Amino acid sequence: MRSITKPVLSGTDIARLIRDGLGEQAVVTGHEEFTDGFFNAAHAVRLADGREVVLKVAPDAGLTVLTYEVDLMHTEIEFFRRAAGAGVPLPRMWHADPERGVMVMERLRGVSFEQAKKTMDPAHVLEIRRELGRISAAITAVPGERFGYPRRDGRTRSGSWRESFLQYIEDILGDATGSDRPLPRPAAEIRELVHRHAPLLDEVTAPALVHFDLWDGNVFVVADGDGWRVEGIIDGERAFYGDPVAELVSLVSFVPEAEAAAVLDGFLGRALTPSEQIRLWLYRSYLWLILIAETAVRGYPEKENAELMAFATGMLSSDLAELAAV
């Protein structure tokens, strides 16, 4: 989808960035832009040596972004390096420059789970859900030194998950109200509901790596014998160190109940406890606030913008009602 945060790259720009990252011998023979992402520009690039890579470029410096989105390329690079070290299936990273906001990585050969599931046998869909649960368990087994986003200015970093997450909420409420986004409840009431349940966040004592954007479009699958397997996951720029339960937000919020249960089976091997369920509502509410705030800074087409606002507002209203009822 079109977004004003995506840099517009010419063929000359792409060839130069590839040479800068991979060396003068890296000759571009073709390229095409991916249109699915919403933040960075991403191009599939073919090289004369036979490699097919993805060039990812961060938004231009000085462009208005949400508070948490500062330094996202640095975050993604850290996610890729740490998750790869834990055996998480990822594309190989050929070059990373957080200062210039550029990454070059291997192009995965599979298809997105979002596409593949449309024609997959239901049993195979459930097995991919379980595998995603297991992969997520491997991600969240990667420890952090402190809670919060790994941005270099240290914003949201702390020794307390409660402190870090409450700052997440303050930042995103500030983004939403500062751009006059309509919310289903007053910001002060949303803040009060989050703070009411904040003591539960103290149950999280060890920072864990969380991808936080594992929706089906960021998962690539390949046929494997009579079934399918996950080839790799992408787009780790929204990662942070926090509660492992937060990883479930994008894994279970958009899928049928049986598929969500399969994710939990792979991730925890059990159902959520009451405390974990409340924390999940908190983290889901944070995501819906992000989606609402995005509508002010992305420049999405009017129709898509209105649809995103309606969806996120409805989901936020529902989860806030759950929090209010506890």
C-alpha atoms as a PDB file:
ATOM      1  CA  MET A   1       0.000   0.000   0.000  1.00  0.00           C
ATOM      2  CA  ARG A   2       1.216   3.510  -0.730  1.00  0.00           C
ATOM      3  CA  SER A   3       2.693   5.278   2.290  1.00  0.00           C
ATOM      4  CA  ILE A   4       4.583   8.569   2.454  1.00  0.00           C
ATOM      5  CA  THR A   5       7.179   6.988   4.740  1.00  0.00           C
ATOM      6  CA  LYS A   6       8.526   4.807   1.904  1.00  0.00           C
ATOM      7  CA  PRO A   7      11.503   6.413   0.128  1.00  0.00           C
ATOM      8  CA  VAL A   8      11.150   6.570  -3.663  1.00  0.00           C
ATOM      9  CA  LEU A   9      14.187   4.839  -5.191  1.00  0.00           C
ATOM     10  CA  SER A  10      15.316   5.074  -8.800  1.00  0.00           C
ATOM     11  CA  GLY A  11      17.228   2.331 -10.574  1.00  0.00           C
ATOM     12  CA  THR A  12      20.371   4.412 -10.103  1.00  0.00           C
ATOM     13  CA  ASP A  13      19.692   4.685  -6.362  1.00  0.00           C
ATOM     14  CA  ILE A  14      19.239   0.934  -6.071  1.00  0.00           C
ATOM     15  CA  ALA A  15      22.416   0.130  -8.002  1.00  0.00           C
ATOM     16  CA  ARG A  16      24.414   2.579  -5.858  1.00  0.00           C
ATOM     17  CA  LEU A  17      23.073   1.246  -2.552  1.00  0.00           C
ATOM     18  CA  ILE A  18      23.768  -2.339  -3.617  1.00  0.00           C
ATOM     19  CA  ARG A  19      27.347  -1.472  -4.607  1.00  0.00           C
ATOM     20  CA  ASP A  20      27.860   0.426  -1.345  1.00  0.00           C
ATOM     21  CA  GLY A  21      26.689  -2.568   0.646  1.00  0.00           C
ATOM     22  CA  LEU A  22      27.998  -5.542  -1.323  1.00  0.00           C
ATOM     23  CA  GLY A  23      30.970  -4.098  -3.211  1.00  0.00           C
ATOM     24  CA  GLU A  24      31.709  -2.850  -6.719  1.00  0.00           C
ATOM     25  CA  GLN A  25      31.419  -6.381  -8.106  1.00  0.00           C
ATOM     26  CA  ALA A  26      27.692  -6.473  -7.230  1.00  0.00           C
ATOM     27  CA  VAL A  27      25.996  -5.621 -10.521  1.00  0.00           C
ATOM     28  CA  VAL A  28      22.206  -5.136 -10.589  1.00  0.00           C
ATOM     29  CA  THR A  29      20.458  -6.808 -13.533  1.00  0.00           C
ATOM     30  CA  GLY A  30      16.873  -6.165 -12.463  1.00  0.00           C
ATOM     31  CA  HIS A  31      14.656  -4.978  -9.633  1.00  0.00           C
ATOM     32  CA  GLU A  32      11.042  -4.523  -8.582  1.00  0.00           C
ATOM     33  CA  GLU A  33       9.399  -2.888  -5.595  1.00  0.00           C
ATOM     34  CA  PHE A  34       7.429  -4.841  -3.006  1.00  0.00           C
ATOM     35  CA  THR A  35       4.120  -3.107  -2.350  1.00  0.00           C
ATOM     36  CA  ASP A  36       2.922  -5.008   0.736  1.00  0.00           C
ATOM     37  CA  GLY A  37       4.906  -3.157   3.426  1.00  0.00           C
ATOM     38  CA  PHE A  38       3.760  -0.005   5.168  1.00  0.00           C
ATOM     39  CA  PHE A  39       6.914   1.707   6.509  1.00  0.00           C
ATOM     40  CA  ASN A  40      10.240   1.049   4.751  1.00  0.00           C
ATOM     41  CA  ALA A  41      10.836   0.811   1.019  1.00  0.00           C
ATOM     42  CA  ALA A  42      11.696  -2.736  -0.069  1.00  0.00           C
ATOM     43  CA  HIS A  43      12.876  -3.877  -3.501  1.00  0.00           C
ATOM     44  CA  ALA A  44      13.624  -7.310  -4.897  1.00  0.00           C
ATOM     45  CA  VAL A  45      16.986  -7.071  -6.676  1.00  0.00           C
ATOM     46  CA  ARG A  46      18.617  -9.530  -9.071  1.00  0.00           C
ATOM     47  CA  LEU A  47      22.414  -9.574  -9.278  1.00  0.00           C
ATOM     48  CA  ALA A  48      24.679 -10.664 -12.102  1.00  0.00           C
ATOM     49  CA  ASP A  49      26.243 -13.336  -9.852  1.00  0.00           C
ATOM     50  CA  GLY A  50      22.864 -15.065  -9.606  1.00  0.00           C
ATOM     51  CA  ARG A  51      21.894 -13.873  -6.165  1.00  0.00           C
ATOM     52  CA  GLU A  52      18.428 -12.505  -5.511  1.00  0.00           C
ATOM     53  CA  VAL A  53      18.350 -10.090  -2.591  1.00  0.00           C
ATOM     54  CA  VAL A  54      16.022  -7.648  -0.912  1.00  0.00           C
ATOM     55  CA  LEU A  55      17.101  -4.035  -0.470  1.00  0.00           C
ATOM     56  CA  LYS A  56      15.347  -2.342   2.438  1.00  0.00           C
ATOM     57  CA  VAL A  57      15.624   1.407   3.017  1.00  0.00           C
ATOM     58  CA  ALA A  58      14.286   3.356   6.002  1.00  0.00           C
ATOM     59  CA  PRO A  59      12.198   6.546   5.712  1.00  0.00           C
ATOM     60  CA  ASP A  60      14.018   9.792   5.061  1.00  0.00           C
ATOM     61  CA  ALA A  61      15.420  11.519   8.144  1.00  0.00           C
ATOM     62  CA  GLY A  62      13.170  14.295   9.398  1.00  0.00           C
ATOM     63  CA  LEU A  63       9.961  12.691   8.159  1.00  0.00           C
ATOM     64  CA  THR A  64       7.184  12.616  10.743  1.00  0.00           C
ATOM     65  CA  VAL A  65       6.837   9.158  12.281  1.00  0.00           C
ATOM     66  CA  LEU A  66       5.301   7.806  15.457  1.00  0.00           C
ATOM     67  CA  THR A  67       7.358   8.185  18.625  1.00  0.00           C
ATOM     68  CA  TYR A  68       8.198   4.485  18.893  1.00  0.00           C
ATOM     69  CA  GLU A  69       9.251   4.349  15.229  1.00  0.00           C
ATOM     70  CA  VAL A  70      12.462   6.310  15.683  1.00  0.00           C
ATOM     71  CA  ASP A  71      15.538   4.209  14.826  1.00  0.00           C
ATOM     72  CA  LEU A  72      13.541   1.207  13.590  1.00  0.00           C
ATOM     73  CA  MET A  73      16.256   0.074  11.190  1.00  0.00           C
ATOM     74  CA  HIS A  74      18.665  -0.274  14.118  1.00  0.00           C
ATOM     75  CA  THR A  75      15.976  -2.300  15.894  1.00  0.00           C
ATOM     76  CA  GLU A  76      15.466  -4.606  12.920  1.00  0.00           C
ATOM     77  CA  ILE A  77      19.180  -5.227  12.523  1.00  0.00           C
ATOM     78  CA  GLU A  78      19.450  -6.144  16.201  1.00  0.00           C
ATOM     79  CA  PHE A  79      16.444  -8.453  15.899  1.00  0.00           C
ATOM     80  CA  PHE A  80      17.896 -10.264  12.885  1.00  0.00           C
ATOM     81  CA  ARG A  81      21.272 -10.771  14.493  1.00  0.00           C
ATOM     82  CA  ARG A  82      19.966 -11.972  17.847  1.00  0.00           C
ATOM     83  CA  ALA A  83      17.146 -14.141  16.510  1.00  0.00           C
ATOM     84  CA  ALA A  84      19.400 -15.746  13.901  1.00  0.00           C
ATOM     85  CA  GLY A  85      21.803 -16.660  16.680  1.00  0.00           C
ATOM     86  CA  ALA A  86      18.961 -18.537  18.372  1.00  0.00           C
ATOM     87  CA  GLY A  87      18.205 -20.599  15.267  1.00  0.00           C
ATOM     88  CA  VAL A  88      15.070 -18.710  14.231  1.00  0.00           C
ATOM     89  CA  PRO A  89      14.428 -19.189  10.468  1.00  0.00           C
ATOM     90  CA  LEU A  90      15.320 -15.871   8.831  1.00  0.00           C
ATOM     91  CA  PRO A  91      16.680 -14.666   5.494  1.00  0.00           C
ATOM     92  CA  ARG A  92      20.459 -14.239   5.504  1.00  0.00           C
ATOM     93  CA  MET A  93      21.517 -10.640   6.109  1.00  0.00           C
ATOM     94  CA  TRP A  94      24.206  -9.663   3.580  1.00  0.00           C
ATOM     95  CA  HIS A  95      24.657  -6.040   4.666  1.00  0.00           C
ATOM     96  CA  ALA A  96      23.351  -3.792   7.438  1.00  0.00           C
ATOM     97  CA  ASP A  97      23.972  -0.075   7.968  1.00  0.00           C
ATOM     98  CA  PRO A  98      21.799   1.418  10.728  1.00  0.00           C
ATOM     99  CA  GLU A  99      23.332   4.876  10.246  1.00  0.00           C
ATOM    100  CA  ARG A 100      22.166   5.118   6.630  1.00  0.00           C
ATOM    101  CA  GLY A 101      19.067   3.020   7.256  1.00  0.00           C
ATOM    102  CA  VAL A 102      19.889   0.321   4.713  1.00  0.00           C
ATOM    103  CA  MET A 103      19.708  -3.475   4.809  1.00  0.00           C
ATOM    104  CA  VAL A 104      20.420  -6.060   2.124  1.00  0.00           C
ATOM    105  CA  MET A 105      19.211  -9.575   2.790  1.00  0.00           C
ATOM    106  CA  GLU A 106      18.568 -12.833   1.033  1.00  0.00           C
ATOM    107  CA  ARG A 107      15.265 -13.077  -0.836  1.00  0.00           C
ATOM    108  CA  LEU A 108      13.144 -15.936   0.447  1.00  0.00           C
ATOM    109  CA  ARG A 109      11.882 -18.275  -2.255  1.00  0.00           C
ATOM    110  CA  GLY A 110       8.594 -19.318  -0.657  1.00  0.00           C
ATOM    111  CA  VAL A 111       5.276 -17.485  -0.561  1.00  0.00           C
ATOM    112  CA  SER A 112       3.663 -15.582   2.251  1.00  0.00           C
ATOM    113  CA  PHE A 113       1.456 -17.596   4.568  1.00  0.00           C
ATOM    114  CA  GLU A 114      -1.199 -14.963   3.885  1.00  0.00           C
ATOM    115  CA  GLN A 115      -1.305 -16.174   0.270  1.00  0.00           C
ATOM    116  CA  ALA A 116      -0.587 -19.856   0.776  1.00  0.00           C
ATOM    117  CA  LYS A 117      -3.262 -20.511   3.399  1.00  0.00           C
ATOM    118  CA  LYS A 118      -5.997 -19.689   0.868  1.00  0.00           C
ATOM    119  CA  THR A 119      -5.371 -23.014  -0.870  1.00  0.00           C
ATOM    120  CA  MET A 120      -3.808 -25.065   1.958  1.00  0.00           C
ATOM    121  CA  ASP A 121      -5.511 -28.024   3.562  1.00  0.00           C
ATOM    122  CA  PRO A 122      -6.942 -26.958   6.965  1.00  0.00           C
ATOM    123  CA  ALA A 123      -4.749 -29.533   8.716  1.00  0.00           C
ATOM    124  CA  HIS A 124      -1.658 -27.987   7.129  1.00  0.00           C
ATOM    125  CA  VAL A 125      -2.756 -24.525   8.255  1.00  0.00           C
ATOM    126  CA  LEU A 126      -2.993 -25.788  11.832  1.00  0.00           C
ATOM    127  CA  GLU A 127       0.478 -27.326  11.620  1.00  0.00           C
ATOM    128  CA  ILE A 128       1.956 -24.033  10.393  1.00  0.00           C
ATOM    129  CA  ARG A 129       0.222 -22.314  13.317  1.00  0.00           C
ATOM    130  CA  ARG A 130       1.871 -24.766  15.733  1.00  0.00           C
ATOM    131  CA  GLU A 131       5.220 -24.251  14.045  1.00  0.00           C
ATOM    132  CA  LEU A 132       4.820 -20.492  14.392  1.00  0.00           C
ATOM    133  CA  GLY A 133       4.147 -21.035  18.080  1.00  0.00           C
ATOM    134  CA  ARG A 134       7.390 -22.991  18.370  1.00  0.00           C
ATOM    135  CA  ILE A 135       9.328 -20.365  16.420  1.00  0.00           C
ATOM    136  CA  SER A 136       7.889 -17.655  18.663  1.00  0.00           C
ATOM    137  CA  ALA A 137       8.996 -19.607  21.719  1.00  0.00           C
ATOM    138  CA  ALA A 138      12.525 -19.610  20.279  1.00  0.00           C
ATOM    139  CA  ILE A 139      12.371 -15.844  19.680  1.00  0.00           C
ATOM    140  CA  THR A 140      11.147 -15.079  23.179  1.00  0.00           C
ATOM    141  CA  ALA A 141      13.841 -17.319  24.653  1.00  0.00           C
ATOM    142  CA  VAL A 142      16.391 -14.698  23.538  1.00  0.00           C
ATOM    143  CA  PRO A 143      17.130 -12.593  26.642  1.00  0.00           C
ATOM    144  CA  GLY A 144      17.581  -8.849  26.805  1.00  0.00           C
ATOM    145  CA  GLU A 145      19.586  -6.743  29.213  1.00  0.00           C
ATOM    146  CA  ARG A 146      16.756  -4.243  29.771  1.00  0.00           C
ATOM    147  CA  PHE A 147      13.094  -3.903  28.876  1.00  0.00           C
ATOM    148  CA  GLY A 148      11.889  -1.628  26.086  1.00  0.00           C
ATOM    149  CA  TYR A 149      12.681  -0.803  22.477  1.00  0.00           C
ATOM    150  CA  PRO A 150      16.373  -1.231  21.592  1.00  0.00           C
ATOM    151  CA  ARG A 151      16.653   2.233  20.071  1.00  0.00           C
ATOM    152  CA  ARG A 152      19.947   3.972  20.623  1.00  0.00           C
ATOM    153  CA  ASP A 153      18.609   6.962  22.540  1.00  0.00           C
ATOM    154  CA  GLY A 154      17.397   4.638  25.308  1.00  0.00           C
ATOM    155  CA  ARG A 155      13.780   5.832  25.298  1.00  0.00           C
ATOM    156  CA  THR A 156      11.505   3.263  27.029  1.00  0.00           C
ATOM    157  CA  ARG A 157      14.527   1.263  28.271  1.00  0.00           C
ATOM    158  CA  SER A 158      14.286   0.313  31.953  1.00  0.00           C
ATOM    159  CA  GLY A 159      14.726  -2.482  34.459  1.00  0.00           C
ATOM    160  CA  SER A 160      10.936  -2.786  34.875  1.00  0.00           C
ATOM    161  CA  TRP A 161       8.488  -4.090  32.283  1.00  0.00           C
ATOM    162  CA  ARG A 162       5.734  -2.070  33.952  1.00  0.00           C
ATOM    163  CA  GLU A 163       7.750   1.131  33.564  1.00  0.00           C
ATOM    164  CA  SER A 164       8.659   0.434  29.947  1.00  0.00           C
ATOM    165  CA  PHE A 165       5.160  -0.584  28.833  1.00  0.00           C
ATOM    166  CA  LEU A 166       3.501   2.369  30.536  1.00  0.00           C
ATOM    167  CA  GLN A 167       5.881   4.605  28.579  1.00  0.00           C
ATOM    168  CA  TYR A 168       4.789   2.807  25.377  1.00  0.00           C
ATOM    169  CA  ILE A 169       1.207   3.756  26.228  1.00  0.00           C
ATOM    170  CA  GLU A 170       2.093   7.360  27.042  1.00  0.00           C
ATOM    171  CA  ASP A 171       3.964   7.723  23.751  1.00  0.00           C
ATOM    172  CA  ILE A 172       1.244   6.257  21.568  1.00  0.00           C
ATOM    173  CA  LEU A 173      -1.537   8.172  23.333  1.00  0.00           C
ATOM    174  CA  GLY A 174       0.515  11.315  22.798  1.00  0.00           C
ATOM    175  CA  ASP A 175       0.842  10.485  19.092  1.00  0.00           C
ATOM    176  CA  ALA A 176      -2.876   9.792  18.744  1.00  0.00           C
ATOM    177  CA  THR A 177      -4.141  12.829  20.663  1.00  0.00           C
ATOM    178  CA  GLY A 178      -1.478  15.098  19.201  1.00  0.00           C
ATOM    179  CA  SER A 179      -2.844  14.391  15.730  1.00  0.00           C
ATOM    180  CA  ASP A 180      -6.497  14.537  16.845  1.00  0.00           C
ATOM    181  CA  ARG A 181      -7.195  10.869  16.141  1.00  0.00           C
ATOM    182  CA  PRO A 182     -10.683   9.897  17.362  1.00  0.00           C
ATOM    183  CA  LEU A 183     -10.533   7.308  20.140  1.00  0.00           C
ATOM    184  CA  PRO A 184     -13.413   5.116  21.386  1.00  0.00           C
ATOM    185  CA  ARG A 185     -12.792   6.366  24.947  1.00  0.00           C
ATOM    186  CA  PRO A 186     -11.045   9.498  26.226  1.00  0.00           C
ATOM    187  CA  ALA A 187      -7.274   9.136  26.461  1.00  0.00           C
ATOM    188  CA  ALA A 188      -7.416   9.661  30.223  1.00  0.00           C
ATOM    189  CA  GLU A 189      -9.858   6.758  30.575  1.00  0.00           C
ATOM    190  CA  ILE A 190      -7.678   4.498  28.415  1.00  0.00           C
ATOM    191  CA  ARG A 191      -4.680   5.433  30.528  1.00  0.00           C
ATOM    192  CA  GLU A 192      -6.598   4.657  33.718  1.00  0.00           C
ATOM    193  CA  LEU A 193      -7.630   1.217  32.469  1.00  0.00           C
ATOM    194  CA  VAL A 194      -4.032   0.356  31.592  1.00  0.00           C
ATOM    195  CA  HIS A 195      -2.727   1.608  34.930  1.00  0.00           C
ATOM    196  CA  ARG A 196      -5.440  -0.345  36.769  1.00  0.00           C
ATOM    197  CA  HIS A 197      -3.971  -3.591  35.477  1.00  0.00           C
ATOM    198  CA  ALA A 198      -0.334  -2.477  35.476  1.00  0.00           C
ATOM    199  CA  PRO A 199       0.575  -4.476  38.642  1.00  0.00           C
ATOM    200  CA  LEU A 200       0.198  -7.643  36.528  1.00  0.00           C
ATOM    201  CA  LEU A 201       3.119  -6.438  34.407  1.00  0.00           C
ATOM    202  CA  ASP A 202       5.394  -6.887  37.408  1.00  0.00           C
ATOM    203  CA  GLU A 203       5.005 -10.652  36.959  1.00  0.00           C
ATOM    204  CA  VAL A 204       7.363 -10.250  33.990  1.00  0.00           C
ATOM    205  CA  THR A 205      10.841 -10.081  35.490  1.00  0.00           C
ATOM    206  CA  ALA A 206      13.132 -11.089  32.594  1.00  0.00           C
ATOM    207  CA  PRO A 207      13.269  -9.114  29.305  1.00  0.00           C
ATOM    208  CA  ALA A 208      12.529 -11.363  26.314  1.00  0.00           C
ATOM    209  CA  LEU A 209      12.924 -10.572  22.619  1.00  0.00           C
ATOM    210  CA  VAL A 210       9.507 -10.028  20.994  1.00  0.00           C
ATOM    211  CA  HIS A 211       8.985  -9.631  17.224  1.00  0.00           C
ATOM    212  CA  PHE A 212       5.466  -8.150  17.707  1.00  0.00           C
ATOM    213  CA  ASP A 213       4.537  -8.214  14.014  1.00  0.00           C
ATOM    214  CA  LEU A 214       4.141 -11.893  13.139  1.00  0.00           C
ATOM    215  CA  TRP A 215       0.995 -11.548  11.075  1.00  0.00           C
ATOM    216  CA  ASP A 216       0.687 -13.970   8.163  1.00  0.00           C
ATOM    217  CA  GLY A 217       2.165 -11.572   5.600  1.00  0.00           C
ATOM    218  CA  ASN A 218       5.478 -11.616   7.489  1.00  0.00           C
ATOM    219  CA  VAL A 219       5.730 -15.421   7.431  1.00  0.00           C
ATOM    220  CA  PHE A 220       7.014 -17.259   4.359  1.00  0.00           C
ATOM    221  CA  VAL A 221       6.222 -20.922   3.799  1.00  0.00           C
ATOM    222  CA  VAL A 222       7.361 -23.585   1.332  1.00  0.00           C
ATOM    223  CA  ALA A 223       5.917 -26.933   0.322  1.00  0.00           C
ATOM    224  CA  ASP A 224       7.600 -29.785   2.194  1.00  0.00           C
ATOM    225  CA  GLY A 225       6.699 -33.295   1.096  1.00  0.00           C
ATOM    226  CA  ASP A 226       2.967 -33.718   1.592  1.00  0.00           C
ATOM    227  CA  GLY A 227       2.739 -30.583   3.750  1.00  0.00           C
ATOM    228  CA  TRP A 228       4.277 -27.180   4.355  1.00  0.00           C
ATOM    229  CA  ARG A 229       6.883 -25.626   6.614  1.00  0.00           C
ATOM    230  CA  VAL A 230       7.946 -22.122   7.574  1.00  0.00           C
ATOM    231  CA  GLU A 231      10.865 -20.984   5.406  1.00  0.00           C
ATOM    232  CA  GLY A 232      11.472 -17.779   7.327  1.00  0.00           C
ATOM    233  CA  ILE A 233      10.018 -14.698   8.954  1.00  0.00           C
ATOM    234  CA  ILE A 234      10.682 -11.076   7.994  1.00  0.00           C
ATOM    235  CA  ASP A 235      10.188  -7.490   9.165  1.00  0.00           C
ATOM    236  CA  GLY A 236      11.633  -7.388  12.669  1.00  0.00           C
ATOM    237  CA  GLU A 237      11.692  -3.594  12.924  1.00  0.00           C
ATOM    238  CA  ARG A 238       8.934  -3.431  15.561  1.00  0.00           C
ATOM    239  CA  ALA A 239      10.764  -5.732  17.965  1.00  0.00           C
ATOM    240  CA  PHE A 240      11.334  -4.946  21.630  1.00  0.00           C
ATOM    241  CA  TYR A 241      12.350  -6.656  24.858  1.00  0.00           C
ATOM    242  CA  GLY A 242       9.367  -7.391  27.049  1.00  0.00           C
ATOM    243  CA  ASP A 243       6.739  -9.953  27.997  1.00  0.00           C
ATOM    244  CA  PRO A 244       6.740 -13.128  25.828  1.00  0.00           C
ATOM    245  CA  VAL A 245       2.919 -13.036  25.918  1.00  0.00           C
ATOM    246  CA  ALA A 246       3.069  -9.897  23.747  1.00  0.00           C
ATOM    247  CA  GLU A 247       4.261 -12.086  20.856  1.00  0.00           C
ATOM    248  CA  LEU A 248       0.780 -13.591  20.713  1.00  0.00           C
ATOM    249  CA  VAL A 249      -0.855 -10.325  19.662  1.00  0.00           C
ATOM    250  CA  SER A 250      -0.199 -10.743  15.932  1.00  0.00           C
ATOM    251  CA  LEU A 251      -0.300 -14.544  16.101  1.00  0.00           C
ATOM    252  CA  VAL A 252      -3.793 -15.080  17.517  1.00  0.00           C
ATOM    253  CA  SER A 253      -5.736 -11.835  17.071  1.00  0.00           C
ATOM    254  CA  PHE A 254      -6.677 -12.317  13.424  1.00  0.00           C
ATOM    255  CA  VAL A 255      -7.310 -16.065  13.207  1.00  0.00           C
ATOM    256  CA  PRO A 256     -10.131 -18.521  14.032  1.00  0.00           C
ATOM    257  CA  GLU A 257     -10.256 -20.032  17.509  1.00  0.00           C
ATOM    258  CA  ALA A 258      -8.909 -23.444  16.440  1.00  0.00           C
ATOM    259  CA  GLU A 259      -5.902 -21.822  14.782  1.00  0.00           C
ATOM    260  CA  ALA A 260      -5.234 -19.647  17.816  1.00  0.00           C
ATOM    261  CA  ALA A 261      -5.316 -22.779  19.969  1.00  0.00           C
ATOM    262  CA  ALA A 262      -2.724 -24.386  17.680  1.00  0.00           C
ATOM    263  CA  VAL A 263      -0.432 -21.366  18.130  1.00  0.00           C
ATOM    264  CA  LEU A 264      -0.762 -21.633  21.908  1.00  0.00           C
ATOM    265  CA  ASP A 265      -0.041 -25.350  21.729  1.00  0.00           C
ATOM    266  CA  GLY A 266       3.233 -24.669  19.950  1.00  0.00           C
ATOM    267  CA  PHE A 267       4.116 -21.602  22.016  1.00  0.00           C
ATOM    268  CA  LEU A 268       3.170 -22.587  25.575  1.00  0.00           C
ATOM    269  CA  GLY A 269       1.727 -26.088  25.389  1.00  0.00           C
ATOM    270  CA  ARG A 270      -1.217 -24.846  27.457  1.00  0.00           C
ATOM    271  CA  ALA A 271      -3.950 -22.231  27.616  1.00  0.00           C
ATOM    272  CA  LEU A 272      -3.310 -18.722  28.916  1.00  0.00           C
ATOM    273  CA  THR A 273      -3.657 -18.037  32.628  1.00  0.00           C
ATOM    274  CA  PRO A 274      -6.116 -15.295  33.687  1.00  0.00           C
ATOM    275  CA  SER A 275      -3.198 -12.913  34.259  1.00  0.00           C
ATOM    276  CA  GLU A 276      -1.717 -13.664  30.837  1.00  0.00           C
ATOM    277  CA  GLN A 277      -5.098 -13.076  29.187  1.00  0.00           C
ATOM    278  CA  ILE A 278      -5.399  -9.635  30.781  1.00  0.00           C
ATOM    279  CA  ARG A 279      -1.853  -8.784  29.740  1.00  0.00           C
ATOM    280  CA  LEU A 280      -2.686  -9.892  26.205  1.00  0.00           C
ATOM    281  CA  TRP A 281      -5.637  -7.462  26.162  1.00  0.00           C
ATOM    282  CA  LEU A 282      -3.240  -4.703  27.258  1.00  0.00           C
ATOM    283  CA  TYR A 283      -0.810  -5.501  24.447  1.00  0.00           C
ATOM    284  CA  ARG A 284      -3.574  -5.802  21.881  1.00  0.00           C
ATOM    285  CA  SER A 285      -4.875  -2.399  22.956  1.00  0.00           C
ATOM    286  CA  TYR A 286      -1.401  -1.002  22.356  1.00  0.00           C
ATOM    287  CA  LEU A 287      -1.396  -2.393  18.810  1.00  0.00           C
ATOM    288  CA  TRP A 288      -4.829  -0.932  18.047  1.00  0.00           C
ATOM    289  CA  LEU A 289      -3.637   2.471  19.293  1.00  0.00           C
ATOM    290  CA  ILE A 290      -0.635   2.194  16.964  1.00  0.00           C
ATOM    291  CA  LEU A 291      -2.895   1.473  13.998  1.00  0.00           C
ATOM    292  CA  ILE A 292      -5.135   4.418  14.860  1.00  0.00           C
ATOM    293  CA  ALA A 293      -2.185   6.791  15.254  1.00  0.00           C
ATOM    294  CA  GLU A 294      -0.681   5.580  11.952  1.00  0.00           C
ATOM    295  CA  THR A 295      -3.603   7.013  10.005  1.00  0.00           C
ATOM    296  CA  ALA A 296      -2.293  10.530  10.722  1.00  0.00           C
ATOM    297  CA  VAL A 297       1.273  10.033   9.467  1.00  0.00           C
ATOM    298  CA  ARG A 298       1.262   7.457   6.665  1.00  0.00           C
ATOM    299  CA  GLY A 299      -0.656   9.257   3.951  1.00  0.00           C
ATOM    300  CA  TYR A 300      -2.595   6.108   3.072  1.00  0.00           C
ATOM    301  CA  PRO A 301      -5.252   6.392   0.343  1.00  0.00           C
ATOM    302  CA  GLU A 302      -8.509   7.741   1.783  1.00  0.00           C
ATOM    303  CA  LYS A 303     -10.505   4.514   1.480  1.00  0.00           C
ATOM    304  CA  GLU A 304      -7.807   2.329   3.064  1.00  0.00           C
ATOM    305  CA  ASN A 305      -7.222   4.907   5.765  1.00  0.00           C
ATOM    306  CA  ALA A 306     -10.901   4.922   6.719  1.00  0.00           C
ATOM    307  CA  GLU A 307     -11.039   1.105   6.733  1.00  0.00           C
ATOM    308  CA  LEU A 308      -7.978   0.868   8.973  1.00  0.00           C
ATOM    309  CA  MET A 309      -9.395   3.447  11.375  1.00  0.00           C
ATOM    310  CA  ALA A 310     -12.748   1.637  11.575  1.00  0.00           C
ATOM    311  CA  PHE A 311     -11.112  -1.756  12.149  1.00  0.00           C
ATOM    312  CA  ALA A 312      -8.645  -0.571  14.792  1.00  0.00           C
ATOM    313  CA  THR A 313     -11.244   1.510  16.621  1.00  0.00           C
ATOM    314  CA  GLY A 314     -13.637  -1.429  16.805  1.00  0.00           C
ATOM    315  CA  MET A 315     -10.941  -3.787  18.095  1.00  0.00           C
ATOM    316  CA  LEU A 316      -9.713  -1.251  20.647  1.00  0.00           C
ATOM    317  CA  SER A 317     -13.237  -0.637  21.883  1.00  0.00           C
ATOM    318  CA  SER A 318     -13.754  -4.384  22.379  1.00  0.00           C
ATOM    319  CA  ASP A 319     -10.500  -4.951  24.273  1.00  0.00           C
ATOM    320  CA  LEU A 320     -10.961  -1.886  26.464  1.00  0.00           C
ATOM    321  CA  ALA A 321     -14.376  -3.235  27.388  1.00  0.00           C
ATOM    322  CA  GLU A 322     -12.726  -6.517  28.441  1.00  0.00           C
ATOM    323  CA  LEU A 323     -10.246  -4.627  30.589  1.00  0.00           C
ATOM    324  CA  ALA A 324     -13.005  -2.539  32.138  1.00  0.00           C
ATOM    325  CA  ALA A 325     -15.042  -5.639  32.987  1.00  0.00           C
ATOM    326  CA  VAL A 326     -12.252  -7.438  34.889  1.00  0.00           C
END
